[in-house]
Amino acid sequence: MKEVKIETTLQVYDDMNELPKAIQNLMNTAIEARDNAYAPYSKFNVGAAILLDNSIVVIGSNQENACFPSGLCAERTAIYYAGAKYPKAKILKMAITASSQNQVTDKPIPPCGACRQSIAEYEIKQDQPIEIYFMGAQGKVVKSNSLANLLPLLFESSVL
């Protein structure tokens, strides 16, 4: 038997004010998207903003449905739209923010597992890392230089 240790390195900012101005703007766009989420069941609003290499910013917010699990997370809403509308563009950066209508979300909230796998598909497809920034409604912001930091053992097409 051999033991394998996997480590992840993330950068943590105390709040949005510590972020570079361009990332603050991207996160503010994600906040606007979060505020337009349709989350009547979970009361958990999520917004995502994606910066493409053509300088276009694509947004997404979670969209729920009474017929669970027919809804879609903000990250996948944004990344699938980017893939459909700008199929040749590379995704450079993604900002994600989440808030609860039931409690204060002051801890960074990363993408769920399904979203991580979906983001991984695009990172692999473009053969270039995607910077991911995530936060709650307030407080610290976490930066990952690549989705691979958040999902180190990727399931990808080479195993099919």
N, C-alpha and C. Protein backbone atom coordinates (compact mmCIF):
# COMPACT_ATOMS: atom_id res chain seq x y z
N MET A 1 0.84 -1.17 0.00
CA MET A 1 0.00 0.00 0.00
C MET A 1 0.89 1.25 0.00
N LYS A 2 0.41 2.26 -0.66
CA LYS A 2 1.10 3.53 -0.73
C LYS A 2 0.11 4.61 -0.34
N GLU A 3 0.54 5.51 0.50
CA GLU A 3 -0.32 6.63 0.89
C GLU A 3 0.03 7.84 0.04
N VAL A 4 -1.00 8.51 -0.44
CA VAL A 4 -0.82 9.70 -1.27
C VAL A 4 -1.45 10.87 -0.54
N LYS A 5 -0.69 11.94 -0.41
CA LYS A 5 -1.19 13.14 0.24
C LYS A 5 -1.48 14.18 -0.83
N ILE A 6 -2.69 14.75 -0.77
CA ILE A 6 -3.09 15.79 -1.72
C ILE A 6 -3.25 17.08 -0.94
N GLU A 7 -2.58 18.12 -1.39
CA GLU A 7 -2.67 19.41 -0.71
C GLU A 7 -3.24 20.45 -1.66
N THR A 8 -3.94 21.41 -1.09
CA THR A 8 -4.51 22.50 -1.86
C THR A 8 -4.02 23.81 -1.28
N THR A 9 -3.65 24.72 -2.15
CA THR A 9 -3.25 26.05 -1.72
C THR A 9 -4.27 27.05 -2.23
N LEU A 10 -4.81 27.83 -1.32
CA LEU A 10 -5.79 28.86 -1.64
C LEU A 10 -5.32 30.17 -1.05
N GLN A 11 -5.74 31.27 -1.64
CA GLN A 11 -5.46 32.58 -1.07
C GLN A 11 -6.75 33.07 -0.41
N VAL A 12 -6.62 33.67 0.77
CA VAL A 12 -7.79 34.17 1.49
C VAL A 12 -7.63 35.67 1.72
N TYR A 13 -8.61 36.42 1.26
CA TYR A 13 -8.65 37.88 1.46
C TYR A 13 -9.63 38.16 2.59
N ASP A 14 -9.31 39.14 3.43
CA ASP A 14 -10.18 39.46 4.57
C ASP A 14 -11.56 39.94 4.13
N ASP A 15 -11.61 40.65 3.02
CA ASP A 15 -12.88 41.11 2.46
C ASP A 15 -12.66 41.57 1.02
N MET A 16 -13.72 41.99 0.38
CA MET A 16 -13.63 42.38 -1.04
C MET A 16 -12.68 43.55 -1.28
N ASN A 17 -12.52 44.42 -0.28
CA ASN A 17 -11.66 45.59 -0.45
C ASN A 17 -10.20 45.22 -0.70
N GLU A 18 -9.79 44.03 -0.30
CA GLU A 18 -8.41 43.58 -0.53
C GLU A 18 -8.19 43.05 -1.94
N LEU A 19 -9.26 42.77 -2.65
CA LEU A 19 -9.15 42.22 -4.00
C LEU A 19 -8.67 43.28 -4.98
N PRO A 20 -7.99 42.88 -6.06
CA PRO A 20 -7.69 43.83 -7.13
C PRO A 20 -9.00 44.43 -7.65
N LYS A 21 -8.95 45.65 -8.12
CA LYS A 21 -10.14 46.37 -8.56
C LYS A 21 -10.95 45.59 -9.60
N ALA A 22 -10.27 44.98 -10.55
CA ALA A 22 -10.97 44.22 -11.59
C ALA A 22 -11.75 43.05 -10.99
N ILE A 23 -11.20 42.42 -9.97
CA ILE A 23 -11.90 41.30 -9.32
C ILE A 23 -13.03 41.81 -8.45
N GLN A 24 -12.84 42.97 -7.82
CA GLN A 24 -13.94 43.59 -7.08
C GLN A 24 -15.13 43.83 -8.02
N ASN A 25 -14.83 44.34 -9.21
CA ASN A 25 -15.90 44.59 -10.19
C ASN A 25 -16.59 43.30 -10.61
N LEU A 26 -15.79 42.25 -10.82
CA LEU A 26 -16.36 40.95 -11.20
C LEU A 26 -17.24 40.41 -10.07
N MET A 27 -16.77 40.54 -8.83
CA MET A 27 -17.56 40.06 -7.69
C MET A 27 -18.82 40.90 -7.53
N ASN A 28 -18.74 42.20 -7.75
CA ASN A 28 -19.95 43.04 -7.68
C ASN A 28 -20.97 42.62 -8.74
N THR A 29 -20.49 42.20 -9.89
CA THR A 29 -21.39 41.69 -10.93
C THR A 29 -22.04 40.38 -10.46
N ALA A 30 -21.27 39.55 -9.79
CA ALA A 30 -21.82 38.30 -9.24
C ALA A 30 -22.87 38.61 -8.16
N ILE A 31 -22.62 39.64 -7.36
CA ILE A 31 -23.57 40.04 -6.33
C ILE A 31 -24.88 40.50 -6.96
N GLU A 32 -24.79 41.26 -8.04
CA GLU A 32 -26.00 41.69 -8.75
C GLU A 32 -26.76 40.47 -9.28
N ALA A 33 -26.05 39.50 -9.81
CA ALA A 33 -26.69 38.28 -10.31
C ALA A 33 -27.33 37.53 -9.14
N ARG A 34 -26.63 37.45 -8.02
CA ARG A 34 -27.16 36.77 -6.82
C ARG A 34 -28.47 37.40 -6.38
N ASP A 35 -28.53 38.72 -6.44
CA ASP A 35 -29.73 39.43 -6.00
C ASP A 35 -30.92 39.17 -6.92
N ASN A 36 -30.66 38.62 -8.12
CA ASN A 36 -31.74 38.29 -9.06
C ASN A 36 -32.02 36.78 -9.13
N ALA A 37 -31.44 36.03 -8.20
CA ALA A 37 -31.66 34.59 -8.20
C ALA A 37 -33.14 34.28 -7.95
N TYR A 38 -33.57 33.15 -8.47
CA TYR A 38 -34.93 32.67 -8.21
C TYR A 38 -34.80 31.48 -7.26
N ALA A 39 -34.96 31.75 -5.96
CA ALA A 39 -34.73 30.73 -4.94
C ALA A 39 -35.86 30.72 -3.90
N PRO A 40 -37.11 30.53 -4.34
CA PRO A 40 -38.23 30.57 -3.39
C PRO A 40 -38.28 29.37 -2.45
N TYR A 41 -37.60 28.28 -2.79
CA TYR A 41 -37.68 27.06 -1.98
C TYR A 41 -36.53 26.97 -0.98
N SER A 42 -35.33 27.14 -1.44
CA SER A 42 -34.17 27.04 -0.55
C SER A 42 -33.90 28.33 0.20
N LYS A 43 -34.35 29.45 -0.36
CA LYS A 43 -34.05 30.78 0.21
C LYS A 43 -32.54 31.01 0.24
N PHE A 44 -31.83 30.38 -0.68
CA PHE A 44 -30.37 30.45 -0.76
C PHE A 44 -30.01 30.98 -2.14
N ASN A 45 -29.62 32.24 -2.22
CA ASN A 45 -29.34 32.90 -3.49
C ASN A 45 -27.85 32.82 -3.82
N VAL A 46 -27.57 32.47 -5.06
CA VAL A 46 -26.19 32.37 -5.51
C VAL A 46 -26.06 33.13 -6.83
N GLY A 47 -24.96 33.85 -6.98
CA GLY A 47 -24.66 34.55 -8.22
C GLY A 47 -23.25 34.22 -8.67
N ALA A 48 -23.07 34.19 -9.98
CA ALA A 48 -21.75 33.92 -10.56
C ALA A 48 -21.52 34.89 -11.71
N ALA A 49 -20.28 35.30 -11.84
CA ALA A 49 -19.86 36.14 -12.97
C ALA A 49 -18.58 35.55 -13.53
N ILE A 50 -18.53 35.42 -14.84
CA ILE A 50 -17.40 34.80 -15.52
C ILE A 50 -16.78 35.82 -16.47
N LEU A 51 -15.46 36.00 -16.38
CA LEU A 51 -14.72 36.84 -17.31
C LEU A 51 -14.11 35.96 -18.38
N LEU A 52 -14.45 36.25 -19.63
CA LEU A 52 -13.92 35.51 -20.77
C LEU A 52 -12.71 36.22 -21.35
N ASP A 53 -11.93 35.50 -22.15
CA ASP A 53 -10.73 36.10 -22.74
C ASP A 53 -11.04 37.14 -23.81
N ASN A 54 -12.31 37.27 -24.20
CA ASN A 54 -12.72 38.32 -25.13
C ASN A 54 -13.25 39.55 -24.38
N SER A 55 -13.01 39.59 -23.06
CA SER A 55 -13.40 40.68 -22.15
C SER A 55 -14.90 40.74 -21.85
N ILE A 56 -15.66 39.80 -22.34
CA ILE A 56 -17.09 39.75 -22.03
C ILE A 56 -17.28 39.09 -20.67
N VAL A 57 -18.22 39.62 -19.89
CA VAL A 57 -18.58 39.04 -18.61
C VAL A 57 -19.96 38.40 -18.75
N VAL A 58 -20.05 37.14 -18.39
CA VAL A 58 -21.29 36.37 -18.44
C VAL A 58 -21.72 36.12 -17.00
N ILE A 59 -23.02 36.24 -16.74
CA ILE A 59 -23.52 36.03 -15.38
C ILE A 59 -24.47 34.85 -15.32
N GLY A 60 -24.68 34.38 -14.10
CA GLY A 60 -25.68 33.35 -13.84
C GLY A 60 -26.15 33.46 -12.41
N SER A 61 -27.37 33.06 -12.17
CA SER A 61 -27.90 32.97 -10.81
C SER A 61 -28.65 31.65 -10.70
N ASN A 62 -28.77 31.15 -9.47
CA ASN A 62 -29.47 29.88 -9.32
C ASN A 62 -30.95 30.06 -9.67
N GLN A 63 -31.50 29.05 -10.30
CA GLN A 63 -32.87 29.06 -10.77
C GLN A 63 -33.54 27.78 -10.26
N GLU A 64 -34.43 27.92 -9.29
CA GLU A 64 -35.06 26.76 -8.67
C GLU A 64 -36.37 26.41 -9.36
N ASN A 65 -36.86 25.22 -9.05
CA ASN A 65 -38.10 24.74 -9.61
C ASN A 65 -38.77 23.86 -8.57
N ALA A 66 -40.09 23.93 -8.49
CA ALA A 66 -40.82 23.10 -7.53
C ALA A 66 -40.59 21.62 -7.79
N CYS A 67 -40.27 21.27 -9.01
CA CYS A 67 -39.97 19.88 -9.38
C CYS A 67 -38.48 19.64 -9.18
N PHE A 68 -38.07 19.55 -7.92
CA PHE A 68 -36.66 19.36 -7.58
C PHE A 68 -36.19 18.04 -8.17
N PRO A 69 -35.06 17.92 -8.77
CA PRO A 69 -33.95 18.86 -8.89
C PRO A 69 -33.88 19.55 -10.24
N SER A 70 -34.97 19.99 -10.77
CA SER A 70 -34.99 20.59 -12.10
C SER A 70 -34.31 21.96 -12.17
N GLY A 71 -34.03 22.57 -11.05
CA GLY A 71 -33.36 23.86 -11.05
C GLY A 71 -31.89 23.73 -11.45
N LEU A 72 -31.21 24.86 -11.46
CA LEU A 72 -29.80 24.86 -11.84
C LEU A 72 -29.04 25.88 -11.03
N CYS A 73 -27.85 25.52 -10.63
CA CYS A 73 -26.98 26.40 -9.85
C CYS A 73 -26.49 27.58 -10.69
N ALA A 74 -26.09 28.64 -10.01
CA ALA A 74 -25.60 29.85 -10.68
C ALA A 74 -24.36 29.58 -11.52
N GLU A 75 -23.44 28.80 -10.98
CA GLU A 75 -22.18 28.54 -11.68
C GLU A 75 -22.43 27.82 -12.99
N ARG A 76 -23.29 26.81 -12.97
CA ARG A 76 -23.59 26.07 -14.20
C ARG A 76 -24.43 26.89 -15.15
N THR A 77 -25.33 27.72 -14.63
CA THR A 77 -26.10 28.61 -15.49
C THR A 77 -25.15 29.49 -16.29
N ALA A 78 -24.17 30.06 -15.59
CA ALA A 78 -23.22 30.98 -16.24
C ALA A 78 -22.27 30.24 -17.19
N ILE A 79 -21.72 29.13 -16.75
CA ILE A 79 -20.71 28.45 -17.56
C ILE A 79 -21.34 27.82 -18.80
N TYR A 80 -22.55 27.30 -18.69
CA TYR A 80 -23.21 26.73 -19.87
C TYR A 80 -23.61 27.82 -20.86
N TYR A 81 -24.03 28.96 -20.33
CA TYR A 81 -24.36 30.08 -21.23
C TYR A 81 -23.09 30.54 -21.96
N ALA A 82 -21.99 30.66 -21.22
CA ALA A 82 -20.73 31.07 -21.84
C ALA A 82 -20.33 30.07 -22.94
N GLY A 83 -20.48 28.78 -22.64
CA GLY A 83 -20.14 27.75 -23.63
C GLY A 83 -21.04 27.78 -24.85
N ALA A 84 -22.31 28.11 -24.63
CA ALA A 84 -23.26 28.15 -25.75
C ALA A 84 -23.12 29.41 -26.59
N LYS A 85 -22.94 30.53 -25.93
CA LYS A 85 -22.89 31.83 -26.62
C LYS A 85 -21.50 32.15 -27.17
N TYR A 86 -20.46 31.76 -26.45
CA TYR A 86 -19.08 32.08 -26.84
C TYR A 86 -18.22 30.80 -26.81
N PRO A 87 -18.50 29.85 -27.68
CA PRO A 87 -17.85 28.54 -27.60
C PRO A 87 -16.34 28.56 -27.81
N LYS A 88 -15.82 29.57 -28.45
CA LYS A 88 -14.37 29.62 -28.68
C LYS A 88 -13.63 30.43 -27.61
N ALA A 89 -14.36 31.12 -26.76
CA ALA A 89 -13.74 31.95 -25.72
C ALA A 89 -13.27 31.08 -24.56
N LYS A 90 -12.17 31.49 -23.97
CA LYS A 90 -11.66 30.82 -22.77
C LYS A 90 -12.16 31.55 -21.54
N ILE A 91 -12.42 30.79 -20.51
CA ILE A 91 -12.86 31.35 -19.23
C ILE A 91 -11.60 31.68 -18.42
N LEU A 92 -11.45 32.94 -18.07
CA LEU A 92 -10.28 33.35 -17.30
C LEU A 92 -10.53 33.32 -15.80
N LYS A 93 -11.65 33.91 -15.39
CA LYS A 93 -11.93 34.08 -13.96
C LYS A 93 -13.42 33.88 -13.71
N MET A 94 -13.72 33.39 -12.50
CA MET A 94 -15.11 33.22 -12.09
C MET A 94 -15.24 33.74 -10.66
N ALA A 95 -16.25 34.56 -10.43
CA ALA A 95 -16.56 35.06 -9.09
C ALA A 95 -17.91 34.48 -8.67
N ILE A 96 -17.99 34.00 -7.44
CA ILE A 96 -19.20 33.35 -6.92
C ILE A 96 -19.51 33.93 -5.54
N THR A 97 -20.77 34.23 -5.31
CA THR A 97 -21.20 34.73 -4.01
C THR A 97 -22.55 34.11 -3.67
N ALA A 98 -22.74 33.81 -2.39
CA ALA A 98 -23.99 33.18 -1.95
C ALA A 98 -24.50 33.87 -0.70
N SER A 99 -25.82 33.94 -0.59
CA SER A 99 -26.44 34.50 0.61
C SER A 99 -27.70 33.71 0.94
N SER A 100 -28.00 33.66 2.20
CA SER A 100 -29.20 32.99 2.67
C SER A 100 -30.22 34.02 3.12
N GLN A 101 -31.48 33.77 2.82
CA GLN A 101 -32.53 34.64 3.32
C GLN A 101 -32.88 34.30 4.76
N ASN A 102 -32.30 33.21 5.30
CA ASN A 102 -32.60 32.76 6.65
C ASN A 102 -31.52 33.07 7.67
N GLN A 103 -30.31 33.33 7.22
CA GLN A 103 -29.20 33.58 8.14
C GLN A 103 -28.10 34.37 7.43
N VAL A 104 -27.18 34.90 8.20
CA VAL A 104 -26.05 35.64 7.64
C VAL A 104 -25.03 34.64 7.10
N THR A 105 -24.61 34.84 5.87
CA THR A 105 -23.58 34.00 5.28
C THR A 105 -22.29 34.81 5.22
N ASP A 106 -21.46 34.63 6.22
CA ASP A 106 -20.22 35.40 6.31
C ASP A 106 -18.98 34.53 6.15
N LYS A 107 -19.18 33.29 5.70
CA LYS A 107 -18.06 32.40 5.40
C LYS A 107 -18.04 32.16 3.89
N PRO A 108 -16.86 32.00 3.30
CA PRO A 108 -16.79 31.71 1.87
C PRO A 108 -17.51 30.41 1.52
N ILE A 109 -18.33 30.45 0.49
CA ILE A 109 -19.12 29.28 0.09
C ILE A 109 -18.65 28.85 -1.30
N PRO A 110 -17.98 27.70 -1.37
CA PRO A 110 -17.45 27.24 -2.66
C PRO A 110 -18.54 26.62 -3.52
N PRO A 111 -18.24 26.36 -4.79
CA PRO A 111 -19.20 25.70 -5.65
C PRO A 111 -19.51 24.28 -5.15
N CYS A 112 -20.73 23.82 -5.39
CA CYS A 112 -21.11 22.45 -5.02
C CYS A 112 -20.34 21.46 -5.90
N GLY A 113 -20.45 20.19 -5.59
CA GLY A 113 -19.74 19.15 -6.33
C GLY A 113 -20.11 19.10 -7.80
N ALA A 114 -21.40 19.22 -8.11
CA ALA A 114 -21.83 19.17 -9.52
C ALA A 114 -21.25 20.35 -10.29
N CYS A 115 -21.22 21.51 -9.66
CA CYS A 115 -20.65 22.69 -10.32
C CYS A 115 -19.15 22.54 -10.50
N ARG A 116 -18.48 21.98 -9.50
CA ARG A 116 -17.03 21.76 -9.63
C ARG A 116 -16.74 20.88 -10.83
N GLN A 117 -17.52 19.81 -10.98
CA GLN A 117 -17.30 18.91 -12.11
C GLN A 117 -17.57 19.62 -13.43
N SER A 118 -18.59 20.45 -13.47
CA SER A 118 -18.90 21.19 -14.70
C SER A 118 -17.82 22.21 -15.03
N ILE A 119 -17.32 22.92 -14.03
CA ILE A 119 -16.23 23.87 -14.25
C ILE A 119 -14.98 23.12 -14.71
N ALA A 120 -14.75 21.95 -14.11
CA ALA A 120 -13.58 21.14 -14.48
C ALA A 120 -13.61 20.79 -15.96
N GLU A 121 -14.79 20.49 -16.49
CA GLU A 121 -14.92 20.14 -17.90
C GLU A 121 -14.40 21.27 -18.79
N TYR A 122 -14.74 22.50 -18.43
CA TYR A 122 -14.29 23.65 -19.23
C TYR A 122 -12.81 23.94 -19.02
N GLU A 123 -12.32 23.73 -17.81
CA GLU A 123 -10.90 23.94 -17.56
C GLU A 123 -10.07 22.93 -18.37
N ILE A 124 -10.53 21.70 -18.42
CA ILE A 124 -9.85 20.67 -19.21
C ILE A 124 -9.97 20.99 -20.71
N LYS A 125 -11.17 21.34 -21.15
CA LYS A 125 -11.41 21.65 -22.56
C LYS A 125 -10.50 22.76 -23.06
N GLN A 126 -10.34 23.80 -22.27
CA GLN A 126 -9.53 24.94 -22.72
C GLN A 126 -8.05 24.79 -22.38
N ASP A 127 -7.70 23.74 -21.64
CA ASP A 127 -6.31 23.47 -21.26
C ASP A 127 -5.66 24.70 -20.63
N GLN A 128 -6.42 25.33 -19.76
CA GLN A 128 -5.94 26.54 -19.07
C GLN A 128 -6.73 26.66 -17.77
N PRO A 129 -6.05 26.95 -16.67
CA PRO A 129 -6.76 27.06 -15.40
C PRO A 129 -7.75 28.22 -15.37
N ILE A 130 -8.76 28.07 -14.55
CA ILE A 130 -9.76 29.11 -14.32
C ILE A 130 -9.57 29.59 -12.88
N GLU A 131 -9.30 30.88 -12.71
CA GLU A 131 -9.23 31.44 -11.36
C GLU A 131 -10.65 31.52 -10.81
N ILE A 132 -10.83 31.05 -9.58
CA ILE A 132 -12.14 31.06 -8.97
C ILE A 132 -12.07 31.81 -7.64
N TYR A 133 -12.95 32.79 -7.50
CA TYR A 133 -13.09 33.57 -6.26
C TYR A 133 -14.46 33.27 -5.69
N PHE A 134 -14.54 32.98 -4.39
CA PHE A 134 -15.86 32.73 -3.82
C PHE A 134 -15.95 33.30 -2.41
N MET A 135 -17.20 33.70 -2.08
CA MET A 135 -17.47 34.30 -0.78
C MET A 135 -18.94 34.06 -0.41
N GLY A 136 -19.27 34.38 0.84
CA GLY A 136 -20.66 34.40 1.26
C GLY A 136 -21.25 35.75 0.86
N ALA A 137 -22.17 36.25 1.66
CA ALA A 137 -22.74 37.57 1.39
C ALA A 137 -21.79 38.67 1.84
N GLN A 138 -20.91 38.34 2.76
CA GLN A 138 -19.95 39.31 3.29
C GLN A 138 -18.75 38.53 3.84
N GLY A 139 -17.71 39.26 4.21
CA GLY A 139 -16.57 38.62 4.85
C GLY A 139 -15.48 38.19 3.88
N LYS A 140 -14.78 37.15 4.28
CA LYS A 140 -13.60 36.68 3.55
C LYS A 140 -13.95 36.22 2.13
N VAL A 141 -12.94 36.37 1.27
CA VAL A 141 -13.04 35.89 -0.12
C VAL A 141 -11.88 34.92 -0.33
N VAL A 142 -12.19 33.77 -0.90
CA VAL A 142 -11.17 32.76 -1.19
C VAL A 142 -10.90 32.75 -2.68
N LYS A 143 -9.61 32.64 -3.02
CA LYS A 143 -9.20 32.53 -4.42
C LYS A 143 -8.51 31.19 -4.63
N SER A 144 -8.94 30.48 -5.66
CA SER A 144 -8.27 29.28 -6.10
C SER A 144 -7.72 29.56 -7.49
N ASN A 145 -6.46 29.25 -7.73
CA ASN A 145 -5.85 29.51 -9.03
C ASN A 145 -6.35 28.57 -10.12
N SER A 146 -7.03 27.50 -9.70
CA SER A 146 -7.52 26.51 -10.65
C SER A 146 -8.64 25.71 -10.00
N LEU A 147 -9.56 25.24 -10.80
CA LEU A 147 -10.59 24.35 -10.27
C LEU A 147 -9.96 23.09 -9.71
N ALA A 148 -8.85 22.66 -10.27
CA ALA A 148 -8.17 21.45 -9.80
C ALA A 148 -7.80 21.53 -8.32
N ASN A 149 -7.65 22.73 -7.76
CA ASN A 149 -7.41 22.88 -6.32
C ASN A 149 -8.64 22.50 -5.52
N LEU A 150 -9.82 22.69 -6.09
CA LEU A 150 -11.07 22.40 -5.38
C LEU A 150 -11.58 20.99 -5.64
N LEU A 151 -11.11 20.39 -6.71
CA LEU A 151 -11.50 19.03 -7.08
C LEU A 151 -10.27 18.33 -7.65
N PRO A 152 -9.35 17.92 -6.76
CA PRO A 152 -8.05 17.44 -7.24
C PRO A 152 -8.09 16.11 -7.99
N LEU A 153 -9.03 15.24 -7.74
CA LEU A 153 -9.11 13.97 -8.46
C LEU A 153 -10.23 14.06 -9.48
N LEU A 154 -9.91 14.66 -10.61
CA LEU A 154 -10.92 14.95 -11.63
C LEU A 154 -11.39 13.68 -12.35
N PHE A 155 -12.67 13.63 -12.61
CA PHE A 155 -13.23 12.65 -13.52
C PHE A 155 -13.29 13.33 -14.88
N GLU A 156 -12.58 12.77 -15.86
CA GLU A 156 -12.55 13.43 -17.16
C GLU A 156 -12.58 12.42 -18.28
N SER A 157 -12.71 12.92 -19.48
CA SER A 157 -13.03 12.10 -20.65
C SER A 157 -11.99 11.02 -20.97
N SER A 158 -10.77 11.16 -20.55
CA SER A 158 -9.76 10.16 -20.92
C SER A 158 -10.05 8.79 -20.30
N VAL A 159 -10.89 8.74 -19.28
CA VAL A 159 -11.21 7.45 -18.66
C VAL A 159 -12.41 6.77 -19.31
N LEU A 160 -13.07 7.44 -20.23
CA LEU A 160 -14.26 6.86 -20.87
C LEU A 160 -13.91 5.89 -21.97
